[in-house]
Amino acid sequence: MSKLLLILGLLALAVGLLWIGQGTGALPWPQSSFMIGQIQWAGYGAALAALGLILIWQCQR
């Protein structure tokens, strides 16, 4: 079960960081993404990245 939490946590963290980058415009990839420059996606990414960190922390306990 802890391996599953770790994988899900790492995936959530990676996607969250991608969304933060796209939402702030710092990572304009892929160019056809509708999320680039849309600040609300940075907020969603921050929440998802936080969830990922919590899952990673939980699997280490």
N, C-alpha and C. Protein backbone atom coordinates (compact mmCIF):
# COMPACT_ATOMS: atom_id res chain seq x y z
N MET A 1 0.82 -1.20 0.00
CA MET A 1 0.00 0.00 0.00
C MET A 1 0.86 1.26 0.00
N SER A 2 2.01 1.21 0.71
CA SER A 2 2.84 2.41 0.76
C SER A 2 3.47 2.71 -0.60
N LYS A 3 3.76 1.68 -1.40
CA LYS A 3 4.30 1.93 -2.75
C LYS A 3 3.27 2.62 -3.62
N LEU A 4 2.00 2.25 -3.47
CA LEU A 4 0.94 2.89 -4.23
C LEU A 4 0.81 4.36 -3.83
N LEU A 5 0.85 4.63 -2.52
CA LEU A 5 0.78 6.02 -2.06
C LEU A 5 1.96 6.83 -2.57
N LEU A 6 3.13 6.22 -2.58
CA LEU A 6 4.31 6.92 -3.08
C LEU A 6 4.18 7.24 -4.56
N ILE A 7 3.73 6.29 -5.36
CA ILE A 7 3.56 6.51 -6.80
C ILE A 7 2.51 7.58 -7.05
N LEU A 8 1.37 7.48 -6.36
CA LEU A 8 0.32 8.49 -6.54
C LEU A 8 0.79 9.87 -6.08
N GLY A 9 1.54 9.91 -4.98
CA GLY A 9 2.05 11.18 -4.48
C GLY A 9 3.03 11.82 -5.43
N LEU A 10 3.94 11.02 -5.97
CA LEU A 10 4.91 11.57 -6.93
C LEU A 10 4.22 12.04 -8.21
N LEU A 11 3.24 11.28 -8.67
CA LEU A 11 2.49 11.68 -9.86
C LEU A 11 1.72 12.98 -9.62
N ALA A 12 1.05 13.06 -8.47
CA ALA A 12 0.30 14.28 -8.15
C ALA A 12 1.24 15.48 -8.02
N LEU A 13 2.40 15.28 -7.41
CA LEU A 13 3.36 16.36 -7.27
C LEU A 13 3.86 16.83 -8.64
N ALA A 14 4.19 15.89 -9.52
CA ALA A 14 4.70 16.25 -10.85
C ALA A 14 3.64 17.00 -11.67
N VAL A 15 2.42 16.50 -11.66
CA VAL A 15 1.35 17.15 -12.43
C VAL A 15 1.03 18.52 -11.82
N GLY A 16 1.02 18.59 -10.51
CA GLY A 16 0.77 19.88 -9.85
C GLY A 16 1.81 20.92 -10.20
N LEU A 17 3.08 20.51 -10.21
CA LEU A 17 4.14 21.45 -10.60
C LEU A 17 4.02 21.87 -12.06
N LEU A 18 3.62 20.94 -12.92
CA LEU A 18 3.38 21.28 -14.33
C LEU A 18 2.26 22.31 -14.44
N TRP A 19 1.18 22.10 -13.72
CA TRP A 19 0.06 23.03 -13.77
C TRP A 19 0.46 24.40 -13.23
N ILE A 20 1.27 24.44 -12.19
CA ILE A 20 1.75 25.72 -11.66
C ILE A 20 2.56 26.44 -12.73
N GLY A 21 3.46 25.71 -13.38
CA GLY A 21 4.28 26.31 -14.44
C GLY A 21 3.46 26.82 -15.60
N GLN A 22 2.47 26.04 -16.00
CA GLN A 22 1.62 26.49 -17.11
C GLN A 22 0.73 27.65 -16.69
N GLY A 23 0.16 27.59 -15.50
CA GLY A 23 -0.75 28.64 -15.05
C GLY A 23 -0.07 29.98 -14.89
N THR A 24 1.18 29.97 -14.46
CA THR A 24 1.92 31.22 -14.30
C THR A 24 2.56 31.69 -15.60
N GLY A 25 2.58 30.82 -16.59
CA GLY A 25 3.20 31.17 -17.87
C GLY A 25 4.69 30.90 -17.90
N ALA A 26 5.23 30.33 -16.82
CA ALA A 26 6.67 30.05 -16.76
C ALA A 26 7.04 28.84 -17.61
N LEU A 27 6.08 27.96 -17.87
CA LEU A 27 6.32 26.76 -18.64
C LEU A 27 5.28 26.67 -19.75
N PRO A 28 5.51 27.33 -20.88
CA PRO A 28 4.53 27.32 -21.96
C PRO A 28 4.61 26.06 -22.82
N TRP A 29 4.39 24.91 -22.20
CA TRP A 29 4.46 23.63 -22.90
C TRP A 29 3.29 22.77 -22.49
N PRO A 30 2.62 22.10 -23.35
CA PRO A 30 2.69 22.23 -24.81
C PRO A 30 2.05 23.54 -25.26
N GLN A 31 2.45 24.01 -26.38
CA GLN A 31 2.02 25.33 -26.83
C GLN A 31 0.52 25.42 -27.07
N SER A 32 -0.12 24.29 -27.31
CA SER A 32 -1.56 24.31 -27.58
C SER A 32 -2.39 24.20 -26.30
N SER A 33 -1.76 24.22 -25.14
CA SER A 33 -2.49 24.05 -23.89
C SER A 33 -3.34 25.28 -23.58
N PHE A 34 -4.56 25.04 -23.13
CA PHE A 34 -5.45 26.13 -22.77
C PHE A 34 -5.13 26.68 -21.37
N MET A 35 -4.25 26.03 -20.63
CA MET A 35 -3.95 26.43 -19.26
C MET A 35 -2.84 27.48 -19.17
N ILE A 36 -2.13 27.73 -20.25
CA ILE A 36 -1.00 28.65 -20.21
C ILE A 36 -1.48 30.07 -19.93
N GLY A 37 -0.92 30.66 -18.88
CA GLY A 37 -1.27 32.03 -18.52
C GLY A 37 -2.59 32.17 -17.78
N GLN A 38 -3.23 31.07 -17.42
CA GLN A 38 -4.49 31.11 -16.68
C GLN A 38 -4.16 30.85 -15.20
N ILE A 39 -4.14 31.90 -14.40
CA ILE A 39 -3.63 31.82 -13.03
C ILE A 39 -4.42 30.85 -12.16
N GLN A 40 -5.69 30.58 -12.47
CA GLN A 40 -6.44 29.64 -11.64
C GLN A 40 -5.83 28.25 -11.70
N TRP A 41 -5.18 27.91 -12.81
CA TRP A 41 -4.53 26.60 -12.93
C TRP A 41 -3.30 26.51 -12.04
N ALA A 42 -2.67 27.63 -11.75
CA ALA A 42 -1.57 27.63 -10.79
C ALA A 42 -2.10 27.29 -9.40
N GLY A 43 -3.27 27.78 -9.07
CA GLY A 43 -3.90 27.45 -7.79
C GLY A 43 -4.27 25.99 -7.70
N TYR A 44 -4.86 25.47 -8.78
CA TYR A 44 -5.19 24.04 -8.81
C TYR A 44 -3.92 23.19 -8.69
N GLY A 45 -2.87 23.63 -9.36
CA GLY A 45 -1.60 22.91 -9.30
C GLY A 45 -1.00 22.93 -7.92
N ALA A 46 -1.10 24.05 -7.23
CA ALA A 46 -0.59 24.14 -5.87
C ALA A 46 -1.34 23.19 -4.95
N ALA A 47 -2.64 23.12 -5.11
CA ALA A 47 -3.44 22.20 -4.29
C ALA A 47 -3.08 20.74 -4.59
N LEU A 48 -2.91 20.42 -5.86
CA LEU A 48 -2.56 19.05 -6.24
C LEU A 48 -1.15 18.70 -5.77
N ALA A 49 -0.22 19.63 -5.89
CA ALA A 49 1.14 19.38 -5.41
C ALA A 49 1.16 19.19 -3.90
N ALA A 50 0.36 19.96 -3.17
CA ALA A 50 0.27 19.79 -1.72
C ALA A 50 -0.29 18.42 -1.37
N LEU A 51 -1.31 17.99 -2.10
CA LEU A 51 -1.86 16.65 -1.89
C LEU A 51 -0.80 15.59 -2.15
N GLY A 52 -0.02 15.78 -3.19
CA GLY A 52 1.05 14.84 -3.50
C GLY A 52 2.07 14.77 -2.38
N LEU A 53 2.44 15.92 -1.81
CA LEU A 53 3.39 15.94 -0.70
C LEU A 53 2.82 15.24 0.53
N ILE A 54 1.53 15.42 0.76
CA ILE A 54 0.89 14.74 1.90
C ILE A 54 0.91 13.23 1.69
N LEU A 55 0.61 12.78 0.49
CA LEU A 55 0.65 11.34 0.21
C LEU A 55 2.06 10.78 0.37
N ILE A 56 3.05 11.51 -0.12
CA ILE A 56 4.44 11.06 0.03
C ILE A 56 4.81 11.01 1.51
N TRP A 57 4.43 12.00 2.26
CA TRP A 57 4.72 12.03 3.69
C TRP A 57 4.03 10.88 4.41
N GLN A 58 2.78 10.59 4.04
CA GLN A 58 2.05 9.50 4.68
C GLN A 58 2.69 8.14 4.42
N CYS A 59 3.21 7.94 3.25
CA CYS A 59 3.80 6.63 2.95
C CYS A 59 5.14 6.45 3.65
N GLN A 60 5.78 7.54 4.08
CA GLN A 60 7.04 7.45 4.80
C GLN A 60 6.86 7.17 6.28
N ARG A 61 5.66 7.31 6.79
CA ARG A 61 5.39 7.11 8.22
C ARG A 61 5.28 5.66 8.55
